[in-house]
Amino acid sequence: MAKIMSLFPKQNPLTRLMILALRLACKKQLLNEPFGQIDLEGSFAGLLRRDFIEAKTIVYNKETHVSWFVTRLGKLALIELGYNDGC
């Protein structure tokens, strides 16, 4: 965790809830299931602020949809914490 957090020295460490939410998002991403703010409960803003999750916009049949995904930085944070769930 020290390597990742050294990139962001002014940020607090991840809470247990944030780690659980990031792992859940990662698992949903592996299963190609959508996830969003409701799924990540109170950790959504913190993960978004740390760039551990991002949104991408998809246009399908002239409709715009937003899809969230775990970034490479988020995956590295999980690996550094010892969670090698395959994400």
C-alpha atoms as a PDB file:
ATOM      1  CA  MET A   1       0.000   0.000   0.000  1.00  0.00           C
ATOM      2  CA  ALA A   2       2.931   2.322   0.611  1.00  0.00           C
ATOM      3  CA  LYS A   3       3.780   2.468  -3.099  1.00  0.00           C
ATOM      4  CA  ILE A   4       0.269   3.444  -4.161  1.00  0.00           C
ATOM      5  CA  MET A   5      -0.269   5.837  -1.275  1.00  0.00           C
ATOM      6  CA  SER A   6       3.096   7.468  -1.943  1.00  0.00           C
ATOM      7  CA  LEU A   7       1.618   8.670  -5.234  1.00  0.00           C
ATOM      8  CA  PHE A   8      -1.036  10.483  -3.216  1.00  0.00           C
ATOM      9  CA  PRO A   9       0.708  11.614  -0.023  1.00  0.00           C
ATOM     10  CA  LYS A  10      -2.115  13.917   1.163  1.00  0.00           C
ATOM     11  CA  GLN A  11      -4.811  11.234   1.064  1.00  0.00           C
ATOM     12  CA  ASN A  12      -5.959   9.097   3.943  1.00  0.00           C
ATOM     13  CA  PRO A  13      -5.484   5.344   3.701  1.00  0.00           C
ATOM     14  CA  LEU A  14      -8.320   3.237   2.333  1.00  0.00           C
ATOM     15  CA  THR A  15     -10.943   2.179   4.840  1.00  0.00           C
ATOM     16  CA  ARG A  16     -12.177  -1.399   5.140  1.00  0.00           C
ATOM     17  CA  LEU A  17     -15.453  -0.361   3.514  1.00  0.00           C
ATOM     18  CA  MET A  18     -13.587   1.168   0.569  1.00  0.00           C
ATOM     19  CA  ILE A  19     -11.491  -1.977   0.125  1.00  0.00           C
ATOM     20  CA  LEU A  20     -14.603  -4.164   0.201  1.00  0.00           C
ATOM     21  CA  ALA A  21     -16.359  -1.881  -2.295  1.00  0.00           C
ATOM     22  CA  LEU A  22     -13.362  -1.924  -4.630  1.00  0.00           C
ATOM     23  CA  ARG A  23     -13.196  -5.727  -4.461  1.00  0.00           C
ATOM     24  CA  LEU A  24     -16.946  -5.936  -5.187  1.00  0.00           C
ATOM     25  CA  ALA A  25     -16.595  -3.611  -8.169  1.00  0.00           C
ATOM     26  CA  CYS A  26     -13.691  -5.657  -9.448  1.00  0.00           C
ATOM     27  CA  LYS A  27     -15.649  -8.917  -9.162  1.00  0.00           C
ATOM     28  CA  LYS A  28     -18.649  -7.391 -10.936  1.00  0.00           C
ATOM     29  CA  GLN A  29     -16.373  -6.122 -13.681  1.00  0.00           C
ATOM     30  CA  LEU A  30     -14.936  -9.626 -14.175  1.00  0.00           C
ATOM     31  CA  LEU A  31     -18.472 -11.008 -14.517  1.00  0.00           C
ATOM     32  CA  ASN A  32     -19.422  -8.189 -16.949  1.00  0.00           C
ATOM     33  CA  GLU A  33     -22.087  -7.004 -14.516  1.00  0.00           C
ATOM     34  CA  PRO A  34     -22.736  -3.276 -14.298  1.00  0.00           C
ATOM     35  CA  PHE A  35     -22.113  -1.494 -11.023  1.00  0.00           C
ATOM     36  CA  GLY A  36     -22.633   2.001  -9.774  1.00  0.00           C
ATOM     37  CA  GLN A  37     -23.082   4.224  -6.775  1.00  0.00           C
ATOM     38  CA  ILE A  38     -25.776   2.070  -5.167  1.00  0.00           C
ATOM     39  CA  ASP A  39     -23.562  -1.031  -5.294  1.00  0.00           C
ATOM     40  CA  LEU A  40     -20.582   0.690  -3.700  1.00  0.00           C
ATOM     41  CA  GLU A  41     -22.639   2.426  -0.983  1.00  0.00           C
ATOM     42  CA  GLY A  42     -20.659   5.080   0.903  1.00  0.00           C
ATOM     43  CA  SER A  43     -17.318   4.431  -0.761  1.00  0.00           C
ATOM     44  CA  PHE A  44     -18.188   5.584  -4.254  1.00  0.00           C
ATOM     45  CA  ALA A  45     -16.978   9.180  -3.899  1.00  0.00           C
ATOM     46  CA  GLY A  46     -13.739   8.181  -2.193  1.00  0.00           C
ATOM     47  CA  LEU A  47     -12.867   5.618  -4.843  1.00  0.00           C
ATOM     48  CA  LEU A  48     -13.758   8.049  -7.604  1.00  0.00           C
ATOM     49  CA  ARG A  49     -11.677  10.829  -6.037  1.00  0.00           C
ATOM     50  CA  ARG A  50      -8.650   8.508  -5.800  1.00  0.00           C
ATOM     51  CA  ASP A  51      -9.113   7.469  -9.466  1.00  0.00           C
ATOM     52  CA  PHE A  52      -9.671   3.831  -8.489  1.00  0.00           C
ATOM     53  CA  ILE A  53     -12.890   3.791 -10.537  1.00  0.00           C
ATOM     54  CA  GLU A  54     -13.855   5.772 -13.634  1.00  0.00           C
ATOM     55  CA  ALA A  55     -16.814   6.142 -15.940  1.00  0.00           C
ATOM     56  CA  LYS A  56     -16.984   5.659 -19.651  1.00  0.00           C
ATOM     57  CA  THR A  57     -19.849   6.718 -21.865  1.00  0.00           C
ATOM     58  CA  ILE A  58     -21.320   4.239 -24.335  1.00  0.00           C
ATOM     59  CA  VAL A  59     -23.717   5.217 -27.107  1.00  0.00           C
ATOM     60  CA  TYR A  60     -25.955   2.339 -28.164  1.00  0.00           C
ATOM     61  CA  ASN A  61     -28.981   2.719 -30.446  1.00  0.00           C
ATOM     62  CA  LYS A  62     -28.785   6.507 -30.088  1.00  0.00           C
ATOM     63  CA  GLU A  63     -29.015   6.171 -26.287  1.00  0.00           C
ATOM     64  CA  THR A  64     -26.211   7.212 -24.002  1.00  0.00           C
ATOM     65  CA  HIS A  65     -25.266   4.888 -21.146  1.00  0.00           C
ATOM     66  CA  VAL A  66     -22.613   5.296 -18.466  1.00  0.00           C
ATOM     67  CA  SER A  67     -20.508   2.311 -17.496  1.00  0.00           C
ATOM     68  CA  TRP A  68     -18.171   2.284 -14.487  1.00  0.00           C
ATOM     69  CA  PHE A  69     -14.945   0.321 -14.355  1.00  0.00           C
ATOM     70  CA  VAL A  70     -12.019  -0.307 -12.002  1.00  0.00           C
ATOM     71  CA  THR A  71      -8.896   1.490 -13.212  1.00  0.00           C
ATOM     72  CA  ARG A  72      -5.397   0.072 -13.361  1.00  0.00           C
ATOM     73  CA  LEU A  73      -4.540   2.099 -10.271  1.00  0.00           C
ATOM     74  CA  GLY A  74      -7.434   0.484  -8.405  1.00  0.00           C
ATOM     75  CA  LYS A  75      -6.283  -2.975  -9.454  1.00  0.00           C
ATOM     76  CA  LEU A  76      -2.726  -2.191  -8.345  1.00  0.00           C
ATOM     77  CA  ALA A  77      -4.004  -1.010  -4.963  1.00  0.00           C
ATOM     78  CA  LEU A  78      -5.836  -4.315  -4.467  1.00  0.00           C
ATOM     79  CA  ILE A  79      -2.766  -6.316  -5.445  1.00  0.00           C
ATOM     80  CA  GLU A  80      -0.625  -4.274  -3.100  1.00  0.00           C
ATOM     81  CA  LEU A  81      -3.086  -4.946  -0.268  1.00  0.00           C
ATOM     82  CA  GLY A  82      -2.766  -8.680  -0.950  1.00  0.00           C
ATOM     83  CA  TYR A  83      -6.058  -9.256  -2.761  1.00  0.00           C
ATOM     84  CA  ASN A  84      -5.151 -11.176  -5.904  1.00  0.00           C
ATOM     85  CA  ASP A  85      -8.724 -12.081  -6.852  1.00  0.00           C
ATOM     86  CA  GLY A  86      -7.920 -12.089 -10.528  1.00  0.00           C
ATOM     87  CA  CYS A  87      -9.057  -8.539 -11.126  1.00  0.00           C
END
